[in-house]
C-alpha atoms as a PDB file:
ATOM      1  CA  MET A   1      10.803 151.078-141.572  1.00  0.00           C
ATOM      2  CA  PRO A   2       7.728 152.679-143.539  1.00  0.00           C
ATOM      3  CA  GLU A   3       7.278 151.962-147.023  1.00  0.00           C
ATOM      4  CA  PHE A   4       8.098 155.505-148.687  1.00  0.00           C
ATOM      5  CA  SER A   5       7.612 154.756-152.278  1.00  0.00           C
ATOM      6  CA  GLY A   6       4.036 153.529-151.751  1.00  0.00           C
ATOM      7  CA  TYR A   7       3.510 156.525-149.615  1.00  0.00           C
ATOM      8  CA  ALA A   8       4.687 158.949-152.169  1.00  0.00           C
ATOM      9  CA  ARG A   9       1.900 157.276-154.490  1.00  0.00           C
ATOM     10  CA  ARG A  10      -0.606 157.870-151.972  1.00  0.00           C
ATOM     11  CA  LEU A  11       0.389 161.539-152.132  1.00  0.00           C
ATOM     12  CA  GLY A  12       0.068 161.429-155.721  1.00  0.00           C
ATOM     13  CA  LEU A  13       3.651 162.094-156.336  1.00  0.00           C
ATOM     14  CA  THR A  14       6.532 160.382-158.043  1.00  0.00           C
ATOM     15  CA  PHE A  15      10.062 161.153-156.597  1.00  0.00           C
ATOM     16  CA  LYS A  16      13.060 161.089-158.722  1.00  0.00           C
ATOM     17  CA  ASN A  17      15.174 161.034-155.537  1.00  0.00           C
ATOM     18  CA  LEU A  18      13.099 159.267-152.890  1.00  0.00           C
ATOM     19  CA  ASN A  19      15.797 160.035-150.349  1.00  0.00           C
ATOM     20  CA  LEU A  20      14.424 163.446-150.271  1.00  0.00           C
ATOM     21  CA  LEU A  21      11.200 162.214-149.045  1.00  0.00           C
ATOM     22  CA  VAL A  22      12.584 160.163-146.374  1.00  0.00           C
ATOM     23  CA  GLU A  23      14.662 163.102-145.134  1.00  0.00           C
ATOM     24  CA  ALA A  24      11.482 165.194-144.984  1.00  0.00           C
ATOM     25  CA  LEU A  25      10.048 162.587-142.713  1.00  0.00           C
ATOM     26  CA  THR A  26      12.949 162.324-140.414  1.00  0.00           C
ATOM     27  CA  HIS A  27      12.860 164.014-137.094  1.00  0.00           C
ATOM     28  CA  ARG A  28      16.032 165.202-135.578  1.00  0.00           C
ATOM     29  CA  SER A  29      15.282 162.813-132.625  1.00  0.00           C
ATOM     30  CA  TYR A  30      15.511 159.670-134.628  1.00  0.00           C
ATOM     31  CA  LEU A  31      19.257 160.462-135.498  1.00  0.00           C
ATOM     32  CA  ASN A  32      20.106 160.102-131.577  1.00  0.00           C
ATOM     33  CA  GLU A  33      18.662 156.254-131.904  1.00  0.00           C
ATOM     34  CA  HIS A  34      19.917 155.773-135.347  1.00  0.00           C
ATOM     35  CA  LYS A  35      23.339 157.060-136.046  1.00  0.00           C
ATOM     36  CA  ALA A  36      23.701 155.590-139.670  1.00  0.00           C
ATOM     37  CA  ALA A  37      20.403 157.394-140.577  1.00  0.00           C
ATOM     38  CA  GLY A  38      20.590 160.030-143.107  1.00  0.00           C
ATOM     39  CA  PRO A  39      19.946 163.893-142.498  1.00  0.00           C
ATOM     40  CA  HIS A  40      16.873 165.152-140.386  1.00  0.00           C
ATOM     41  CA  ASN A  41      14.219 167.281-142.005  1.00  0.00           C
ATOM     42  CA  GLU A  42      15.113 170.877-140.509  1.00  0.00           C
ATOM     43  CA  ARG A  43      16.832 172.017-143.782  1.00  0.00           C
ATOM     44  CA  LEU A  44      13.987 171.238-145.860  1.00  0.00           C
ATOM     45  CA  GLU A  45      11.455 172.403-143.552  1.00  0.00           C
ATOM     46  CA  PHE A  46      13.149 175.923-143.870  1.00  0.00           C
ATOM     47  CA  LEU A  47      12.986 175.718-147.663  1.00  0.00           C
ATOM     48  CA  GLY A  48       9.434 174.412-147.733  1.00  0.00           C
ATOM     49  CA  ASP A  49       8.274 177.149-145.283  1.00  0.00           C
ATOM     50  CA  ALA A  50       9.222 179.799-147.955  1.00  0.00           C
ATOM     51  CA  VAL A  51       7.843 178.031-150.871  1.00  0.00           C
ATOM     52  CA  LEU A  52       4.575 177.526-148.861  1.00  0.00           C
ATOM     53  CA  GLU A  53       4.441 181.364-148.277  1.00  0.00           C
ATOM     54  CA  LEU A  54       4.941 182.159-151.717  1.00  0.00           C
ATOM     55  CA  ALA A  55       2.411 179.569-152.906  1.00  0.00           C
ATOM     56  CA  THR A  56      -0.436 180.672-150.515  1.00  0.00           C
ATOM     57  CA  THR A  57       0.281 184.466-151.210  1.00  0.00           C
ATOM     58  CA  ASN A  58      -0.075 183.921-154.786  1.00  0.00           C
ATOM     59  CA  PHE A  59      -3.343 181.841-154.422  1.00  0.00           C
ATOM     60  CA  LEU A  60      -4.816 184.609-152.197  1.00  0.00           C
ATOM     61  CA  PHE A  61      -3.599 187.321-154.301  1.00  0.00           C
ATOM     62  CA  THR A  62      -5.439 185.582-157.366  1.00  0.00           C
ATOM     63  CA  LYS A  63      -8.510 184.383-155.520  1.00  0.00           C
ATOM     64  CA  PHE A  64      -9.242 187.763-153.998  1.00  0.00           C
ATOM     65  CA  PRO A  65      -8.195 190.534-156.207  1.00  0.00           C
ATOM     66  CA  SER A  66      -9.949 193.299-154.290  1.00  0.00           C
ATOM     67  CA  LYS A  67      -9.004 192.249-150.728  1.00  0.00           C
ATOM     68  CA  PRO A  68      -6.753 194.413-148.865  1.00  0.00           C
ATOM     69  CA  GLU A  69      -3.157 193.404-147.807  1.00  0.00           C
ATOM     70  CA  GLY A  70      -4.509 193.119-144.019  1.00  0.00           C
ATOM     71  CA  ASP A  71      -7.288 190.636-144.744  1.00  0.00           C
ATOM     72  CA  MET A  72      -5.046 188.496-146.954  1.00  0.00           C
ATOM     73  CA  THR A  73      -2.394 188.383-144.332  1.00  0.00           C
ATOM     74  CA  ALA A  74      -4.962 187.076-141.855  1.00  0.00           C
ATOM     75  CA  TYR A  75      -6.394 184.629-144.282  1.00  0.00           C
ATOM     76  CA  ARG A  76      -2.807 183.268-145.124  1.00  0.00           C
ATOM     77  CA  ALA A  77      -1.942 182.892-141.284  1.00  0.00           C
ATOM     78  CA  ALA A  78      -5.234 180.870-140.884  1.00  0.00           C
ATOM     79  CA  LEU A  79      -4.187 178.448-143.847  1.00  0.00           C
ATOM     80  CA  VAL A  80      -0.499 177.930-142.689  1.00  0.00           C
ATOM     81  CA  ASN A  81      -0.634 178.157-138.847  1.00  0.00           C
ATOM     82  CA  THR A  82       0.434 175.286-136.834  1.00  0.00           C
ATOM     83  CA  VAL A  83      -2.680 173.798-135.861  1.00  0.00           C
ATOM     84  CA  SER A  84      -4.093 174.084-139.676  1.00  0.00           C
ATOM     85  CA  LEU A  85      -0.748 172.458-141.192  1.00  0.00           C
ATOM     86  CA  ALA A  86      -0.862 169.542-138.544  1.00  0.00           C
ATOM     87  CA  PHE A  87      -4.571 168.766-139.369  1.00  0.00           C
ATOM     88  CA  THR A  88      -3.618 168.483-142.947  1.00  0.00           C
ATOM     89  CA  ALA A  89      -0.611 166.446-142.152  1.00  0.00           C
ATOM     90  CA  LYS A  90      -2.713 164.085-140.414  1.00  0.00           C
ATOM     91  CA  GLU A  91      -5.132 164.038-143.207  1.00  0.00           C
ATOM     92  CA  LEU A  92      -2.340 162.832-145.511  1.00  0.00           C
ATOM     93  CA  GLY A  93      -1.246 160.242-143.064  1.00  0.00           C
ATOM     94  CA  ILE A  94       2.034 161.742-142.155  1.00  0.00           C
ATOM     95  CA  ASN A  95       1.788 160.629-138.835  1.00  0.00           C
ATOM     96  CA  ASP A  96       2.276 157.130-139.577  1.00  0.00           C
ATOM     97  CA  MET A  97       5.521 157.665-141.569  1.00  0.00           C
ATOM     98  CA  LEU A  98       7.318 159.858-139.385  1.00  0.00           C
ATOM     99  CA  LEU A  99      10.879 158.578-138.361  1.00  0.00           C
ATOM    100  CA  LEU A 100      10.995 159.678-134.441  1.00  0.00           C
ATOM    101  CA  SER A 101      12.875 158.527-131.423  1.00  0.00           C
ATOM    102  CA  LYS A 102      10.893 156.446-129.089  1.00  0.00           C
ATOM    103  CA  GLY A 103      10.240 159.199-126.668  1.00  0.00           C
ATOM    104  CA  GLU A 104       9.176 161.714-129.329  1.00  0.00           C
ATOM    105  CA  ALA A 105       6.732 159.145-130.508  1.00  0.00           C
ATOM    106  CA  LYS A 106       5.046 159.549-127.394  1.00  0.00           C
ATOM    107  CA  ASP A 107       4.363 163.180-127.754  1.00  0.00           C
ATOM    108  CA  THR A 108       0.755 164.207-128.117  1.00  0.00           C
ATOM    109  CA  GLY A 109      -0.925 167.628-128.275  1.00  0.00           C
ATOM    110  CA  ARG A 110       0.885 170.826-129.277  1.00  0.00           C
ATOM    111  CA  ALA A 111       4.188 169.051-129.422  1.00  0.00           C
ATOM    112  CA  ARG A 112       3.058 166.610-131.897  1.00  0.00           C
ATOM    113  CA  ASP A 113       1.392 169.115-133.970  1.00  0.00           C
ATOM    114  CA  ILE A 114       4.461 171.107-134.522  1.00  0.00           C
ATOM    115  CA  ILE A 115       6.367 167.829-135.499  1.00  0.00           C
ATOM    116  CA  LEU A 116       3.742 167.257-138.123  1.00  0.00           C
ATOM    117  CA  ALA A 117       3.423 170.888-139.391  1.00  0.00           C
ATOM    118  CA  ASN A 118       7.324 170.791-139.811  1.00  0.00           C
ATOM    119  CA  ALA A 119       7.345 167.659-141.595  1.00  0.00           C
ATOM    120  CA  LEU A 120       4.583 168.855-144.082  1.00  0.00           C
ATOM    121  CA  GLU A 121       6.751 171.933-144.668  1.00  0.00           C
ATOM    122  CA  ALA A 122       9.596 169.749-145.267  1.00  0.00           C
ATOM    123  CA  ILE A 123       7.728 167.394-147.750  1.00  0.00           C
ATOM    124  CA  ILE A 124       6.871 170.473-149.568  1.00  0.00           C
ATOM    125  CA  GLY A 125      10.703 171.396-149.745  1.00  0.00           C
ATOM    126  CA  ALA A 126      11.530 167.989-150.987  1.00  0.00           C
ATOM    127  CA  ILE A 127       8.840 168.265-153.752  1.00  0.00           C
ATOM    128  CA  TYR A 128      10.294 171.542-154.748  1.00  0.00           C
ATOM    129  CA  LEU A 129      13.891 170.222-154.885  1.00  0.00           C
ATOM    130  CA  ASP A 130      12.876 166.978-156.716  1.00  0.00           C
ATOM    131  CA  GLN A 131      10.202 168.322-159.072  1.00  0.00           C
ATOM    132  CA  GLY A 132      10.223 172.131-159.035  1.00  0.00           C
ATOM    133  CA  TYR A 133       8.099 174.796-157.843  1.00  0.00           C
ATOM    134  CA  ASP A 134       4.944 174.202-160.040  1.00  0.00           C
ATOM    135  CA  ALA A 135       4.638 170.552-158.688  1.00  0.00           C
ATOM    136  CA  ALA A 136       5.311 171.985-155.262  1.00  0.00           C
ATOM    137  CA  ASN A 137       2.441 174.623-155.693  1.00  0.00           C
ATOM    138  CA  ASP A 138      -0.002 172.064-157.122  1.00  0.00           C
ATOM    139  CA  PHE A 139       0.628 170.166-153.828  1.00  0.00           C
ATOM    140  CA  ILE A 140       0.103 173.221-151.640  1.00  0.00           C
ATOM    141  CA  VAL A 141      -3.085 174.276-153.619  1.00  0.00           C
ATOM    142  CA  THR A 142      -4.617 170.821-153.644  1.00  0.00           C
ATOM    143  CA  ASN A 143      -4.163 170.020-149.938  1.00  0.00           C
ATOM    144  CA  ILE A 144      -3.724 173.466-148.093  1.00  0.00           C
ATOM    145  CA  CYS A 145      -5.206 176.221-150.056  1.00  0.00           C
ATOM    146  CA  LYS A 146      -8.593 174.088-150.799  1.00  0.00           C
ATOM    147  CA  LYS A 147      -9.153 174.944-146.924  1.00  0.00           C
ATOM    148  CA  ILE A 148      -9.846 178.823-147.694  1.00  0.00           C
ATOM    149  CA  ASP A 149     -13.619 178.603-148.258  1.00  0.00           C
ATOM    150  CA  SER A 150     -14.183 176.638-144.862  1.00  0.00           C
ATOM    151  CA  ILE A 151     -11.716 179.161-143.050  1.00  0.00           C
ATOM    152  CA  LEU A 152     -14.117 181.860-144.226  1.00  0.00           C
ATOM    153  CA  GLU A 153     -17.213 180.405-143.245  1.00  0.00           C
ATOM    154  CA  GLN A 154     -15.836 179.381-140.066  1.00  0.00           C
ATOM    155  CA  ARG A 155     -14.070 182.938-139.355  1.00  0.00           C
ATOM    156  CA  ALA A 156     -10.679 180.928-138.598  1.00  0.00           C
ATOM    157  CA  TYR A 157      -8.848 183.807-139.837  1.00  0.00           C
ATOM    158  CA  GLN A 158      -9.836 185.658-136.601  1.00  0.00           C
ATOM    159  CA  ASP A 159      -7.641 184.421-133.608  1.00  0.00           C
ATOM    160  CA  ALA A 160      -9.861 183.185-130.340  1.00  0.00           C
ATOM    161  CA  LYS A 161      -9.757 186.311-128.498  1.00  0.00           C
ATOM    162  CA  SER A 162     -10.961 188.280-131.439  1.00  0.00           C
ATOM    163  CA  GLN A 163     -13.955 185.937-132.358  1.00  0.00           C
ATOM    164  CA  PHE A 164     -15.093 185.826-128.694  1.00  0.00           C
ATOM    165  CA  GLN A 165     -14.861 189.400-128.183  1.00  0.00           C
ATOM    166  CA  GLU A 166     -16.903 189.793-131.239  1.00  0.00           C
ATOM    167  CA  ALA A 167     -19.392 187.543-130.013  1.00  0.00           C
ATOM    168  CA  ALA A 168     -19.626 188.749-126.604  1.00  0.00           C
ATOM    169  CA  GLN A 169     -19.984 192.173-127.603  1.00  0.00           C
ATOM    170  CA  GLU A 170     -22.701 191.248-130.155  1.00  0.00           C
ATOM    171  CA  ARG A 171     -24.639 188.828-127.608  1.00  0.00           C
ATOM    172  CA  ARG A 172     -24.147 190.239-124.240  1.00  0.00           C
ATOM    173  CA  SER A 173     -22.941 194.023-124.969  1.00  0.00           C
ATOM    174  CA  THR A 174     -19.811 193.304-123.211  1.00  0.00           C
ATOM    175  CA  THR A 175     -16.176 193.004-123.740  1.00  0.00           C
ATOM    176  CA  PRO A 176     -14.353 190.016-122.170  1.00  0.00           C
ATOM    177  CA  HIS A 177     -11.391 190.548-119.811  1.00  0.00           C
ATOM    178  CA  TYR A 178      -8.667 188.173-118.757  1.00  0.00           C
ATOM    179  CA  LYS A 179      -7.144 187.250-115.416  1.00  0.00           C
ATOM    180  CA  THR A 180      -3.994 185.406-114.638  1.00  0.00           C
ATOM    181  CA  LEU A 181      -5.223 182.801-112.151  1.00  0.00           C
ATOM    182  CA  SER A 182      -1.902 180.668-111.232  1.00  0.00           C
ATOM    183  CA  GLU A 183       1.630 180.813-112.640  1.00  0.00           C
ATOM    184  CA  GLU A 184       3.777 177.483-112.307  1.00  0.00           C
ATOM    185  CA  GLY A 185       7.259 176.078-113.089  1.00  0.00           C
ATOM    186  CA  PRO A 186      10.624 177.321-113.558  1.00  0.00           C
ATOM    187  CA  ASP A 187      11.415 180.535-115.844  1.00  0.00           C
ATOM    188  CA  HIS A 188      12.257 178.338-118.673  1.00  0.00           C
ATOM    189  CA  ASP A 189       9.077 176.339-118.569  1.00  0.00           C
ATOM    190  CA  LYS A 190       6.147 178.298-117.059  1.00  0.00           C
ATOM    191  CA  LYS A 191       2.471 177.237-117.252  1.00  0.00           C
ATOM    192  CA  PHE A 192      -0.007 180.047-116.984  1.00  0.00           C
ATOM    193  CA  THR A 193      -3.565 179.113-116.044  1.00  0.00           C
ATOM    194  CA  VAL A 194      -5.848 182.079-117.372  1.00  0.00           C
ATOM    195  CA  GLY A 195      -9.490 182.820-116.884  1.00  0.00           C
ATOM    196  CA  VAL A 196     -11.836 184.671-119.345  1.00  0.00           C
ATOM    197  CA  TYR A 197     -14.544 186.761-117.679  1.00  0.00           C
ATOM    198  CA  LEU A 198     -17.685 188.627-118.776  1.00  0.00           C
ATOM    199  CA  ALA A 199     -18.282 191.260-116.070  1.00  0.00           C
ATOM    200  CA  ASP A 200     -17.817 189.127-112.860  1.00  0.00           C
ATOM    201  CA  ASP A 201     -18.763 185.686-114.462  1.00  0.00           C
ATOM    202  CA  GLU A 202     -15.957 183.159-115.360  1.00  0.00           C
ATOM    203  CA  PHE A 203     -16.770 181.948-118.534  1.00  0.00           C
ATOM    204  CA  ALA A 204     -13.654 179.602-119.168  1.00  0.00           C
ATOM    205  CA  ARG A 205     -10.043 178.573-118.589  1.00  0.00           C
ATOM    206  CA  GLY A 206      -7.054 178.113-120.677  1.00  0.00           C
ATOM    207  CA  GLU A 207      -3.380 177.057-120.043  1.00  0.00           C
ATOM    208  CA  GLY A 208      -0.301 178.261-121.942  1.00  0.00           C
ATOM    209  CA  LYS A 209       3.774 178.703-121.793  1.00  0.00           C
ATOM    210  CA  SER A 210       2.897 182.593-121.582  1.00  0.00           C
ATOM    211  CA  LYS A 211       0.129 184.519-120.559  1.00  0.00           C
ATOM    212  CA  GLN A 212      -0.851 185.341-124.137  1.00  0.00           C
ATOM    213  CA  GLU A 213      -1.134 181.595-125.111  1.00  0.00           C
ATOM    214  CA  GLY A 214      -3.062 181.155-122.205  1.00  0.00           C
ATOM    215  CA  GLU A 215      -5.643 183.942-122.827  1.00  0.00           C
ATOM    216  CA  GLN A 216      -5.995 182.419-126.246  1.00  0.00           C
ATOM    217  CA  ALA A 217      -6.795 178.930-124.924  1.00  0.00           C
ATOM    218  CA  ALA A 218      -9.278 180.549-122.512  1.00  0.00           C
ATOM    219  CA  ALA A 219     -11.192 182.256-125.439  1.00  0.00           C
ATOM    220  CA  GLN A 220     -11.176 179.083-127.532  1.00  0.00           C
ATOM    221  CA  ALA A 221     -12.500 177.087-124.554  1.00  0.00           C
ATOM    222  CA  ALA A 222     -15.229 179.801-124.017  1.00  0.00           C
ATOM    223  CA  LEU A 223     -15.938 179.581-127.781  1.00  0.00           C
ATOM    224  CA  GLN A 224     -16.622 175.872-127.458  1.00  0.00           C
ATOM    225  CA  LYS A 225     -18.411 176.025-124.259  1.00  0.00           C
ATOM    226  CA  THR A 226     -20.720 178.746-125.552  1.00  0.00           C
ATOM    227  CA  GLY A 227     -21.117 177.408-129.165  1.00  0.00           C
ATOM    228  CA  TRP A 228     -20.599 181.196-130.174  1.00  0.00           C
END
């Protein structure tokens, strides 16, 4: 069992009710193997998601007084999407503190990213309940909103398809197009392989559970391959 009070100190937090932090780090799957364990983190995640949206919205509204709503919406999405939150969760060492079933503990890739992002939101919910909005807001600004400058520098507020299209039009005067190369699996668990092309040249491939997800993965692979 992880040492939660020490972990709270590593986060710069002192919980009045440490059980809230334990709950935030308890995945639903853990209860399948530990029937006597406390509640899982989905309720705290629900609460933390709302607190996170308010705090990041207020941060962006204050930091960018002349930006239109559309720009700030894109910035917020880049700050709080699953990949960004999972990266922050890894920085904070949440991976080592999660209470998971043995099966879930083996998950990697996007499945683990979702678990990590949800746990981070649950921690925010726990801080809010234990210490109030100001403490939760301070945690969010310190650990999440600080990334806004690098997001703007890297244009990470644009999705991969938008980034690749802009780069391709600028460098090749060509608009990318996408082809679904294969579709596998039953209806409830599809896997699409998609190629991204400039004219007739295939630049990269990507996979996803939908055509749209496959297109985004292909565009991301193309950006990495070209360095654009």
